[in-house]
Structure formats: C-alpha cells, structure tokens
Amino acid sequence: MLTDYHMHLVDDDVPYDDDSFTLEHVGRYVTAAAAAGIDEIGFTDHVYRFAEARDWFDHALWQADAVGDLGRYHGAVSAARDAGLPVKVALEVDYLRGREQQIGEVVGRYDWDYLLGSVHWVGGLAVDWELAPIWDRYPADEVWRLYCEDLCLAAASGIYDSMAHPDLAKVFGQRPDQPQALYRQIADAFEAAGVCAEVSSAGYHQTLDELYPDPQLLAMLHERGVPVTLGSDAHAPQRVGRDFPRALAELHAAGYRTLTVFDGRERRQEVFDV
C-alpha cells in the first residue's frame, strides 16, 4: 500500500475560496494520486491559515495568514472521505513552545485521522521563512540546538501523531558542526514519545536536494523502531507523490518495509513496494 500523508488544498500564498472546499477540488488530488500509484492521501493544511489559531502567536506574519475557517476545511475533507474518496482528514499543526494548552484545545474540537506536528517558528522567528529568519540572529549551531529542543518538546507533548520533515532546519543548507548528537536526541525523543517520523520527498526540492530526514537520522530512527509516514508536501494536485520512487528506495535502504496508515488516530503498518 502506498500513501501520501502530507498535502495542502491551496498553495501557501493563495487564499482559500469557495472552490478550495469542493468535492471536485479534492477529487483533483485523488485523481493525481491514482495516476501516481498512490492508494490513499491525507490533507494536512497548515493550522496557521485558520482564524482559530490566530491568538497562538502575535507575529504580524502569523496574524496576517490566520483568516480561514478551520471548521469549513474540516467539513470539506470529511465530506470527501464520507463520499468514499480515499482521503484522510488531518492537519499540519505548528508547535509553539508554551502554547500547548491552546493548541490542544483548538485541535480537540474536531475528529481527525491524524495530526502532523511541525516546528517552523523557534523563539519568535522562522526556521524556513526568509521574511522572519532566525538565521540572521543566531549562528547555525544555535539555531539547530533551539530547533531540536522544540522538536523534541513537540514530540513529547502528546498532541501529534507524526512529526513532519523532522530535520527542516537544513532547508537553506545550514548544518550543525556535529549533527549526530542532535540526530540521536531527535530519534530518542520520537521513540520515547511513540510518535511517527515523516519521510518527506519535499526535501529533494530544497538547497541540499536531500530527503527529510537525511540518511543518518533515518537510520537512527529505524534502529529505534520509530514508524514512518510518507508525504510529498504537495501544494497542488500535480505534485502529489512527487519523487516517491526515490524516497521509497531510501526508506528501503534504511531497513523500512512498512508505512504507517491512520484511521481515527489509530495506526497500523502496511507493506510498501519499491
């Protein structure tokens, strides 16, 4: 079985409109997935696009994005699933240190198949957004240390089912001087928390042309028995399943033979083919 468990109804810079929430629009992703040999997809729009998350963070860029209706999003994807389309109802939920209660309250209003946890903002600045870069304030080793601290706290929070693009801090090409210790920290935290790690082909289209997570971290995760989900981070139908053959080959080389499939936040393992 093959899944793509990370995608978005619209691109990050595109506002939601009435078409975004139609069965026809969801169906475009399903059609693209079928053409790529993918059996099931999961929608994971960014929580920061919705007004329900606006008061989590007072940064102007966050505030400007938080205008959508989370209930409408949830209802549209749920309706597609209930109509028999092979989709899961999910959400990519930013972790913000100190806001765990607010995050839990908002996502707890709805039933989900799974929740992706992601760390984009650390100490009030963005790891992967050049409009508010943390890289201008701290050296790379310090950014990585802070990022890993928050990623591990996110995993331990109990909010999330799978941790998205777990070494996102390499997005612009910066690495810590000694990544192995940080990778061990991440792998140990994921194992202790019982969360999945997302394997994301989106990393192939960033500076390092490298899977999220990189081979060293992926090997450590496998050694600890951390299960994985697979995602493309598609923001348009034509990107669903992009570069999956390459990602699956890396997964297989690391020792993985199964992907995690979710239903109502309960998980099971399904064998994938290379």
C-alpha atoms as a PDB file:
ATOM      1  CA  MET A   1       0.000   0.000   0.000  1.00  0.00           C
ATOM      2  CA  LEU A   2       1.235   3.490  -0.849  1.00  0.00           C
ATOM      3  CA  THR A   3       0.126   6.690   0.866  1.00  0.00           C
ATOM      4  CA  ASP A   4       0.823  10.392   0.597  1.00  0.00           C
ATOM      5  CA  TYR A   5       0.044  11.850   4.002  1.00  0.00           C
ATOM      6  CA  HIS A   6       1.146  15.462   3.565  1.00  0.00           C
ATOM      7  CA  MET A   7      -0.591  17.860   1.174  1.00  0.00           C
ATOM      8  CA  HIS A   8      -2.467  21.148   1.113  1.00  0.00           C
ATOM      9  CA  LEU A   9      -5.638  22.263  -0.643  1.00  0.00           C
ATOM     10  CA  VAL A  10      -4.008  25.517  -1.800  1.00  0.00           C
ATOM     11  CA  ASP A  11      -0.507  26.936  -2.079  1.00  0.00           C
ATOM     12  CA  ASP A  12       0.762  28.924   0.899  1.00  0.00           C
ATOM     13  CA  ASP A  13       0.375  32.278  -0.861  1.00  0.00           C
ATOM     14  CA  VAL A  14      -3.081  31.536  -2.299  1.00  0.00           C
ATOM     15  CA  PRO A  15      -6.182  32.494  -0.302  1.00  0.00           C
ATOM     16  CA  TYR A  16      -8.940  29.961   0.211  1.00  0.00           C
ATOM     17  CA  ASP A  17     -12.047  30.473  -1.904  1.00  0.00           C
ATOM     18  CA  ASP A  18     -15.274  28.564  -2.424  1.00  0.00           C
ATOM     19  CA  ASP A  19     -13.649  26.222  -4.954  1.00  0.00           C
ATOM     20  CA  SER A  20     -10.991  25.212  -2.419  1.00  0.00           C
ATOM     21  CA  PHE A  21     -13.547  23.288  -0.379  1.00  0.00           C
ATOM     22  CA  THR A  22     -15.468  21.485  -3.115  1.00  0.00           C
ATOM     23  CA  LEU A  23     -15.593  17.760  -3.707  1.00  0.00           C
ATOM     24  CA  GLU A  24     -14.340  18.426  -7.219  1.00  0.00           C
ATOM     25  CA  HIS A  25     -11.195  20.131  -5.954  1.00  0.00           C
ATOM     26  CA  VAL A  26     -10.420  17.332  -3.510  1.00  0.00           C
ATOM     27  CA  GLY A  27     -11.052  14.913  -6.360  1.00  0.00           C
ATOM     28  CA  ARG A  28      -8.273  16.502  -8.409  1.00  0.00           C
ATOM     29  CA  TYR A  29      -5.782  15.343  -5.789  1.00  0.00           C
ATOM     30  CA  VAL A  30      -7.325  11.881  -5.683  1.00  0.00           C
ATOM     31  CA  THR A  31      -7.055  11.583  -9.466  1.00  0.00           C
ATOM     32  CA  ALA A  32      -3.429  12.690  -9.406  1.00  0.00           C
ATOM     33  CA  ALA A  33      -2.667  10.209  -6.625  1.00  0.00           C
ATOM     34  CA  ALA A  34      -4.234   7.323  -8.532  1.00  0.00           C
ATOM     35  CA  ALA A  35      -2.145   8.197 -11.586  1.00  0.00           C
ATOM     36  CA  ALA A  36       0.968   8.017  -9.372  1.00  0.00           C
ATOM     37  CA  GLY A  37       0.006   4.627  -7.937  1.00  0.00           C
ATOM     38  CA  ILE A  38      -0.940   6.045  -4.549  1.00  0.00           C
ATOM     39  CA  ASP A  39      -3.769   4.296  -2.729  1.00  0.00           C
ATOM     40  CA  GLU A  40      -4.639   6.868  -0.069  1.00  0.00           C
ATOM     41  CA  ILE A  41      -3.936  10.532   0.604  1.00  0.00           C
ATOM     42  CA  GLY A  42      -4.228  12.768   3.635  1.00  0.00           C
ATOM     43  CA  PHE A  43      -4.913  16.502   3.662  1.00  0.00           C
ATOM     44  CA  THR A  44      -2.828  18.434   6.168  1.00  0.00           C
ATOM     45  CA  ASP A  45      -3.425  22.124   5.631  1.00  0.00           C
ATOM     46  CA  HIS A  46      -1.452  24.495   7.853  1.00  0.00           C
ATOM     47  CA  VAL A  47      -3.210  25.373  11.089  1.00  0.00           C
ATOM     48  CA  TYR A  48      -1.780  28.890  10.863  1.00  0.00           C
ATOM     49  CA  ARG A  49      -4.009  29.538   7.854  1.00  0.00           C
ATOM     50  CA  PHE A  50      -7.072  29.479  10.129  1.00  0.00           C
ATOM     51  CA  ALA A  51      -8.530  32.122  12.404  1.00  0.00           C
ATOM     52  CA  GLU A  52      -8.916  29.628  15.238  1.00  0.00           C
ATOM     53  CA  ALA A  53      -5.118  29.708  15.657  1.00  0.00           C
ATOM     54  CA  ARG A  54      -4.691  33.477  15.416  1.00  0.00           C
ATOM     55  CA  ASP A  55      -4.151  34.125  19.123  1.00  0.00           C
ATOM     56  CA  TRP A  56      -1.438  31.479  19.448  1.00  0.00           C
ATOM     57  CA  PHE A  57       1.261  33.858  18.218  1.00  0.00           C
ATOM     58  CA  ASP A  58       1.358  37.646  17.859  1.00  0.00           C
ATOM     59  CA  HIS A  59       3.845  37.918  14.974  1.00  0.00           C
ATOM     60  CA  ALA A  60       2.431  40.076  12.168  1.00  0.00           C
ATOM     61  CA  LEU A  61       3.068  37.424   9.508  1.00  0.00           C
ATOM     62  CA  TRP A  62       1.208  34.781  11.531  1.00  0.00           C
ATOM     63  CA  GLN A  63      -1.664  37.158  12.195  1.00  0.00           C
ATOM     64  CA  ALA A  64      -1.981  38.059   8.520  1.00  0.00           C
ATOM     65  CA  ASP A  65      -2.314  34.405   7.488  1.00  0.00           C
ATOM     66  CA  ALA A  66      -4.796  33.315  10.161  1.00  0.00           C
ATOM     67  CA  VAL A  67      -8.031  34.187   8.359  1.00  0.00           C
ATOM     68  CA  GLY A  68      -9.512  30.882   7.140  1.00  0.00           C
ATOM     69  CA  ASP A  69     -12.272  28.809   8.724  1.00  0.00           C
ATOM     70  CA  LEU A  70     -10.967  25.590  10.251  1.00  0.00           C
ATOM     71  CA  GLY A  71     -14.450  24.130  10.558  1.00  0.00           C
ATOM     72  CA  ARG A  72     -15.089  24.637   6.861  1.00  0.00           C
ATOM     73  CA  TYR A  73     -11.809  22.937   5.979  1.00  0.00           C
ATOM     74  CA  HIS A  74     -12.550  20.006   8.277  1.00  0.00           C
ATOM     75  CA  GLY A  75     -16.050  19.692   6.900  1.00  0.00           C
ATOM     76  CA  ALA A  76     -14.932  19.692   3.268  1.00  0.00           C
ATOM     77  CA  VAL A  77     -12.307  16.988   3.682  1.00  0.00           C
ATOM     78  CA  SER A  78     -14.617  14.948   5.918  1.00  0.00           C
ATOM     79  CA  ALA A  79     -17.347  15.147   3.274  1.00  0.00           C
ATOM     80  CA  ALA A  80     -14.932  13.831   0.650  1.00  0.00           C
ATOM     81  CA  ARG A  81     -13.947  10.932   2.884  1.00  0.00           C
ATOM     82  CA  ASP A  82     -17.589  10.193   3.680  1.00  0.00           C
ATOM     83  CA  ALA A  83     -18.367  10.222  -0.044  1.00  0.00           C
ATOM     84  CA  GLY A  84     -15.991   7.302  -0.443  1.00  0.00           C
ATOM     85  CA  LEU A  85     -12.871   9.063  -1.681  1.00  0.00           C
ATOM     86  CA  PRO A  86      -9.619   7.556  -0.311  1.00  0.00           C
ATOM     87  CA  VAL A  87      -8.700  10.566   1.804  1.00  0.00           C
ATOM     88  CA  LYS A  88      -7.862  11.129   5.437  1.00  0.00           C
ATOM     89  CA  VAL A  89      -8.829  14.182   7.466  1.00  0.00           C
ATOM     90  CA  ALA A  90      -5.710  15.659   9.020  1.00  0.00           C
ATOM     91  CA  LEU A  91      -3.935  18.901   9.832  1.00  0.00           C
ATOM     92  CA  GLU A  92      -0.374  20.194   9.981  1.00  0.00           C
ATOM     93  CA  VAL A  93      -0.167  21.827  13.386  1.00  0.00           C
ATOM     94  CA  ASP A  94       2.676  24.143  14.325  1.00  0.00           C
ATOM     95  CA  TYR A  95       4.264  23.602  17.698  1.00  0.00           C
ATOM     96  CA  LEU A  96       4.802  26.805  19.656  1.00  0.00           C
ATOM     97  CA  ARG A  97       6.525  26.417  22.998  1.00  0.00           C
ATOM     98  CA  GLY A  98       4.266  27.461  25.865  1.00  0.00           C
ATOM     99  CA  ARG A  99       1.089  27.281  23.740  1.00  0.00           C
ATOM    100  CA  GLU A 100       0.440  23.581  24.195  1.00  0.00           C
ATOM    101  CA  GLN A 101      -2.873  24.082  26.007  1.00  0.00           C
ATOM    102  CA  GLN A 102      -4.239  26.424  23.340  1.00  0.00           C
ATOM    103  CA  ILE A 103      -3.103  24.118  20.559  1.00  0.00           C
ATOM    104  CA  GLY A 104      -4.713  21.126  22.206  1.00  0.00           C
ATOM    105  CA  GLU A 105      -7.961  22.968  22.765  1.00  0.00           C
ATOM    106  CA  VAL A 106      -8.315  24.046  19.141  1.00  0.00           C
ATOM    107  CA  VAL A 107      -7.446  20.736  17.510  1.00  0.00           C
ATOM    108  CA  GLY A 108      -9.530  18.919  20.117  1.00  0.00           C
ATOM    109  CA  ARG A 109     -12.728  20.481  18.752  1.00  0.00           C
ATOM    110  CA  TYR A 110     -12.652  18.149  15.756  1.00  0.00           C
ATOM    111  CA  ASP A 111     -12.140  14.491  14.987  1.00  0.00           C
ATOM    112  CA  TRP A 112      -9.011  13.759  12.951  1.00  0.00           C
ATOM    113  CA  ASP A 113      -7.439  10.748  11.336  1.00  0.00           C
ATOM    114  CA  TYR A 114      -4.014  12.056  12.334  1.00  0.00           C
ATOM    115  CA  LEU A 115      -2.182  15.256  13.243  1.00  0.00           C
ATOM    116  CA  LEU A 116       1.173  16.244  11.805  1.00  0.00           C
ATOM    117  CA  GLY A 117       3.410  18.188  14.139  1.00  0.00           C
ATOM    118  CA  SER A 118       5.811  20.708  12.692  1.00  0.00           C
ATOM    119  CA  VAL A 119       8.311  23.239  14.002  1.00  0.00           C
ATOM    120  CA  HIS A 120       8.561  26.306  11.771  1.00  0.00           C
ATOM    121  CA  TRP A 121       8.908  29.020  14.426  1.00  0.00           C
ATOM    122  CA  VAL A 122      11.529  28.973  17.170  1.00  0.00           C
ATOM    123  CA  GLY A 123      11.916  31.758  19.700  1.00  0.00           C
ATOM    124  CA  GLY A 124       9.597  34.007  17.723  1.00  0.00           C
ATOM    125  CA  LEU A 125      11.484  33.647  14.424  1.00  0.00           C
ATOM    126  CA  ALA A 126      11.084  31.365  11.417  1.00  0.00           C
ATOM    127  CA  VAL A 127      13.381  28.477  10.564  1.00  0.00           C
ATOM    128  CA  ASP A 128      12.207  28.253   6.945  1.00  0.00           C
ATOM    129  CA  TRP A 129      10.759  31.663   6.061  1.00  0.00           C
ATOM    130  CA  GLU A 130      13.105  34.362   4.815  1.00  0.00           C
ATOM    131  CA  LEU A 131      10.728  37.147   5.830  1.00  0.00           C
ATOM    132  CA  ALA A 132      11.430  36.477   9.524  1.00  0.00           C
ATOM    133  CA  PRO A 133      14.681  34.489   9.570  1.00  0.00           C
ATOM    134  CA  ILE A 134      16.124  33.093  12.756  1.00  0.00           C
ATOM    135  CA  TRP A 135      19.385  32.615  10.846  1.00  0.00           C
ATOM    136  CA  ASP A 136      20.104  36.345  10.991  1.00  0.00           C
ATOM    137  CA  ARG A 137      20.061  36.321  14.787  1.00  0.00           C
ATOM    138  CA  TYR A 138      21.894  33.109  15.742  1.00  0.00           C
ATOM    139  CA  PRO A 139      24.756  31.014  14.347  1.00  0.00           C
ATOM    140  CA  ALA A 140      23.780  27.722  12.717  1.00  0.00           C
ATOM    141  CA  ASP A 141      24.724  25.532  15.680  1.00  0.00           C
ATOM    142  CA  GLU A 142      22.494  27.575  17.992  1.00  0.00           C
ATOM    143  CA  VAL A 143      19.572  27.514  15.549  1.00  0.00           C
ATOM    144  CA  TRP A 144      19.848  23.753  15.332  1.00  0.00           C
ATOM    145  CA  ARG A 145      20.047  23.395  19.116  1.00  0.00           C
ATOM    146  CA  LEU A 146      16.929  25.508  19.610  1.00  0.00           C
ATOM    147  CA  TYR A 147      15.105  23.772  16.776  1.00  0.00           C
ATOM    148  CA  CYS A 148      15.864  20.304  18.152  1.00  0.00           C
ATOM    149  CA  GLU A 149      14.761  21.327  21.635  1.00  0.00           C
ATOM    150  CA  ASP A 150      11.374  22.429  20.328  1.00  0.00           C
ATOM    151  CA  LEU A 151      11.010  19.414  18.032  1.00  0.00           C
ATOM    152  CA  CYS A 152      11.601  17.074  20.968  1.00  0.00           C
ATOM    153  CA  LEU A 153       9.182  19.031  23.155  1.00  0.00           C
ATOM    154  CA  ALA A 154       6.602  18.818  20.388  1.00  0.00           C
ATOM    155  CA  ALA A 155       7.010  15.056  20.136  1.00  0.00           C
ATOM    156  CA  ALA A 156       6.636  14.698  23.902  1.00  0.00           C
ATOM    157  CA  SER A 157       3.556  16.944  24.060  1.00  0.00           C
ATOM    158  CA  GLY A 158       1.098  14.195  23.172  1.00  0.00           C
ATOM    159  CA  ILE A 159      -0.580  16.426  20.596  1.00  0.00           C
ATOM    160  CA  TYR A 160       0.824  14.854  17.439  1.00  0.00           C
ATOM    161  CA  ASP A 161       0.786  11.505  15.646  1.00  0.00           C
ATOM    162  CA  SER A 162       3.669  12.089  13.223  1.00  0.00           C
ATOM    163  CA  MET A 163       6.411  14.708  13.167  1.00  0.00           C
ATOM    164  CA  ALA A 164       6.698  16.435   9.789  1.00  0.00           C
ATOM    165  CA  HIS A 165      10.018  16.980   7.963  1.00  0.00           C
ATOM    166  CA  PRO A 166      11.994  16.364  11.164  1.00  0.00           C
ATOM    167  CA  ASP A 167      15.254  17.976  10.037  1.00  0.00           C
ATOM    168  CA  LEU A 168      13.609  21.009   8.439  1.00  0.00           C
ATOM    169  CA  ALA A 169      16.355  23.237   9.831  1.00  0.00           C
ATOM    170  CA  LYS A 170      18.576  22.193   6.920  1.00  0.00           C
ATOM    171  CA  VAL A 171      16.168  23.864   4.465  1.00  0.00           C
ATOM    172  CA  PHE A 172      18.604  26.622   3.444  1.00  0.00           C
ATOM    173  CA  GLY A 173      21.661  24.362   3.527  1.00  0.00           C
ATOM    174  CA  GLN A 174      22.985  25.080   7.035  1.00  0.00           C
ATOM    175  CA  ARG A 175      24.057  22.103   9.118  1.00  0.00           C
ATOM    176  CA  PRO A 176      25.380  21.925  12.672  1.00  0.00           C
ATOM    177  CA  ASP A 177      29.057  21.113  13.116  1.00  0.00           C
ATOM    178  CA  GLN A 178      28.238  17.817  14.833  1.00  0.00           C
ATOM    179  CA  PRO A 179      24.783  16.684  13.696  1.00  0.00           C
ATOM    180  CA  GLN A 180      24.983  13.150  15.067  1.00  0.00           C
ATOM    181  CA  ALA A 181      24.338  14.173  18.680  1.00  0.00           C
ATOM    182  CA  LEU A 182      21.282  16.191  17.645  1.00  0.00           C
ATOM    183  CA  TYR A 183      20.012  13.376  15.446  1.00  0.00           C
ATOM    184  CA  ARG A 184      20.302  10.991  18.395  1.00  0.00           C
ATOM    185  CA  GLN A 185      18.383  13.469  20.514  1.00  0.00           C
ATOM    186  CA  ILE A 186      15.582  13.579  17.945  1.00  0.00           C
ATOM    187  CA  ALA A 187      15.456   9.811  17.431  1.00  0.00           C
ATOM    188  CA  ASP A 188      15.450   9.128  21.172  1.00  0.00           C
ATOM    189  CA  ALA A 189      12.662  11.666  21.718  1.00  0.00           C
ATOM    190  CA  PHE A 190      10.495  10.184  18.964  1.00  0.00           C
ATOM    191  CA  GLU A 191      10.997   6.683  20.339  1.00  0.00           C
ATOM    192  CA  ALA A 192      10.141   7.763  23.891  1.00  0.00           C
ATOM    193  CA  ALA A 193       7.043   9.663  22.754  1.00  0.00           C
ATOM    194  CA  GLY A 194       5.772   6.883  20.496  1.00  0.00           C
ATOM    195  CA  VAL A 195       5.286   9.226  17.546  1.00  0.00           C
ATOM    196  CA  CYS A 196       5.931   8.545  13.882  1.00  0.00           C
ATOM    197  CA  ALA A 197       8.535  10.363  11.820  1.00  0.00           C
ATOM    198  CA  GLU A 198       7.506  11.765   8.475  1.00  0.00           C
ATOM    199  CA  VAL A 199       9.648  10.913   5.471  1.00  0.00           C
ATOM    200  CA  SER A 200       9.173  13.811   3.064  1.00  0.00           C
ATOM    201  CA  SER A 201      10.218  13.958  -0.569  1.00  0.00           C
ATOM    202  CA  ALA A 202       9.861  17.761  -0.387  1.00  0.00           C
ATOM    203  CA  GLY A 203      13.476  17.904   0.768  1.00  0.00           C
ATOM    204  CA  TYR A 204      14.631  16.964  -2.716  1.00  0.00           C
ATOM    205  CA  HIS A 205      13.485  20.384  -3.879  1.00  0.00           C
ATOM    206  CA  GLN A 206      15.407  22.387  -1.289  1.00  0.00           C
ATOM    207  CA  THR A 207      19.019  23.545  -1.156  1.00  0.00           C
ATOM    208  CA  LEU A 208      20.586  20.204  -0.251  1.00  0.00           C
ATOM    209  CA  ASP A 209      18.484  18.031  -2.618  1.00  0.00           C
ATOM    210  CA  GLU A 210      18.050  15.587   0.249  1.00  0.00           C
ATOM    211  CA  LEU A 211      15.220  13.618   1.805  1.00  0.00           C
ATOM    212  CA  TYR A 212      13.715  14.749   5.087  1.00  0.00           C
ATOM    213  CA  PRO A 213      15.159  13.159   7.228  1.00  0.00           C
ATOM    214  CA  ASP A 214      18.692  12.682   5.930  1.00  0.00           C
ATOM    215  CA  PRO A 215      20.144   9.143   5.818  1.00  0.00           C
ATOM    216  CA  GLN A 216      21.923   9.353   9.174  1.00  0.00           C
ATOM    217  CA  LEU A 217      18.791  10.409  11.030  1.00  0.00           C
ATOM    218  CA  LEU A 218      16.627   7.958   9.106  1.00  0.00           C
ATOM    219  CA  ALA A 219      18.963   5.115  10.110  1.00  0.00           C
ATOM    220  CA  MET A 220      18.787   6.143  13.771  1.00  0.00           C
ATOM    221  CA  LEU A 221      15.004   6.250  13.629  1.00  0.00           C
ATOM    222  CA  HIS A 222      14.897   2.752  12.147  1.00  0.00           C
ATOM    223  CA  GLU A 223      17.305   1.424  14.783  1.00  0.00           C
ATOM    224  CA  ARG A 224      14.873   2.613  17.454  1.00  0.00           C
ATOM    225  CA  GLY A 225      11.811   1.171  15.759  1.00  0.00           C
ATOM    226  CA  VAL A 226      10.227   4.563  15.050  1.00  0.00           C
ATOM    227  CA  PRO A 227       7.473   4.068  12.430  1.00  0.00           C
ATOM    228  CA  VAL A 228       7.182   6.408   9.475  1.00  0.00           C
ATOM    229  CA  THR A 229       4.610   8.204   7.376  1.00  0.00           C
ATOM    230  CA  LEU A 230       5.331   9.289   3.814  1.00  0.00           C
ATOM    231  CA  GLY A 231       4.471  12.669   2.336  1.00  0.00           C
ATOM    232  CA  SER A 232       5.166  14.899  -0.645  1.00  0.00           C
ATOM    233  CA  ASP A 233       4.101  18.206   0.963  1.00  0.00           C
ATOM    234  CA  ALA A 234       2.176  18.859  -2.259  1.00  0.00           C
ATOM    235  CA  HIS A 235       0.512  22.239  -2.561  1.00  0.00           C
ATOM    236  CA  ALA A 236      -1.132  21.398  -5.884  1.00  0.00           C
ATOM    237  CA  PRO A 237      -2.509  18.175  -7.403  1.00  0.00           C
ATOM    238  CA  GLN A 238       0.337  17.773  -9.888  1.00  0.00           C
ATOM    239  CA  ARG A 239       2.825  17.483  -7.029  1.00  0.00           C
ATOM    240  CA  VAL A 240       1.151  14.579  -5.251  1.00  0.00           C
ATOM    241  CA  GLY A 241       3.607  11.708  -4.859  1.00  0.00           C
ATOM    242  CA  ARG A 242       6.455  13.712  -6.375  1.00  0.00           C
ATOM    243  CA  ASP A 243       9.766  11.789  -6.247  1.00  0.00           C
ATOM    244  CA  PHE A 244       8.264   8.907  -4.275  1.00  0.00           C
ATOM    245  CA  PRO A 245      10.321   6.221  -6.087  1.00  0.00           C
ATOM    246  CA  ARG A 246      13.480   7.915  -4.854  1.00  0.00           C
ATOM    247  CA  ALA A 247      12.113   8.308  -1.322  1.00  0.00           C
ATOM    248  CA  LEU A 248      10.919   4.701  -1.162  1.00  0.00           C
ATOM    249  CA  ALA A 249      14.325   3.456  -2.283  1.00  0.00           C
ATOM    250  CA  GLU A 250      15.948   5.390   0.571  1.00  0.00           C
ATOM    251  CA  LEU A 251      13.404   4.044   3.037  1.00  0.00           C
ATOM    252  CA  HIS A 252      14.094   0.504   1.873  1.00  0.00           C
ATOM    253  CA  ALA A 253      17.858   1.024   2.112  1.00  0.00           C
ATOM    254  CA  ALA A 254      17.435   2.187   5.721  1.00  0.00           C
ATOM    255  CA  GLY A 255      15.598  -1.040   6.552  1.00  0.00           C
ATOM    256  CA  TYR A 256      11.988   0.088   6.428  1.00  0.00           C
ATOM    257  CA  ARG A 257       9.401  -2.157   4.802  1.00  0.00           C
ATOM    258  CA  THR A 258       6.141  -0.597   6.003  1.00  0.00           C
ATOM    259  CA  LEU A 259       4.347   2.746   6.094  1.00  0.00           C
ATOM    260  CA  THR A 260       2.011   3.893   8.832  1.00  0.00           C
ATOM    261  CA  VAL A 261      -1.672   4.185   7.916  1.00  0.00           C
ATOM    262  CA  PHE A 262      -4.081   6.095  10.159  1.00  0.00           C
ATOM    263  CA  ASP A 263      -7.795   5.906  10.792  1.00  0.00           C
ATOM    264  CA  GLY A 264      -9.312   7.933  13.613  1.00  0.00           C
ATOM    265  CA  ARG A 265      -5.827   8.412  15.119  1.00  0.00           C
ATOM    266  CA  GLU A 266      -5.362   4.655  15.341  1.00  0.00           C
ATOM    267  CA  ARG A 267      -2.412   3.383  13.348  1.00  0.00           C
ATOM    268  CA  ARG A 268      -1.374   0.226  11.583  1.00  0.00           C
ATOM    269  CA  GLN A 269       1.511  -0.812   9.367  1.00  0.00           C
ATOM    270  CA  GLU A 270       1.162  -1.586   5.654  1.00  0.00           C
ATOM    271  CA  VAL A 271       3.897  -3.033   3.449  1.00  0.00           C
ATOM    272  CA  PHE A 272       5.092  -0.840   0.577  1.00  0.00           C
ATOM    273  CA  ASP A 273       6.667  -1.913  -2.719  1.00  0.00           C
ATOM    274  CA  VAL A 274       9.856  -0.407  -4.099  1.00  0.00           C
END
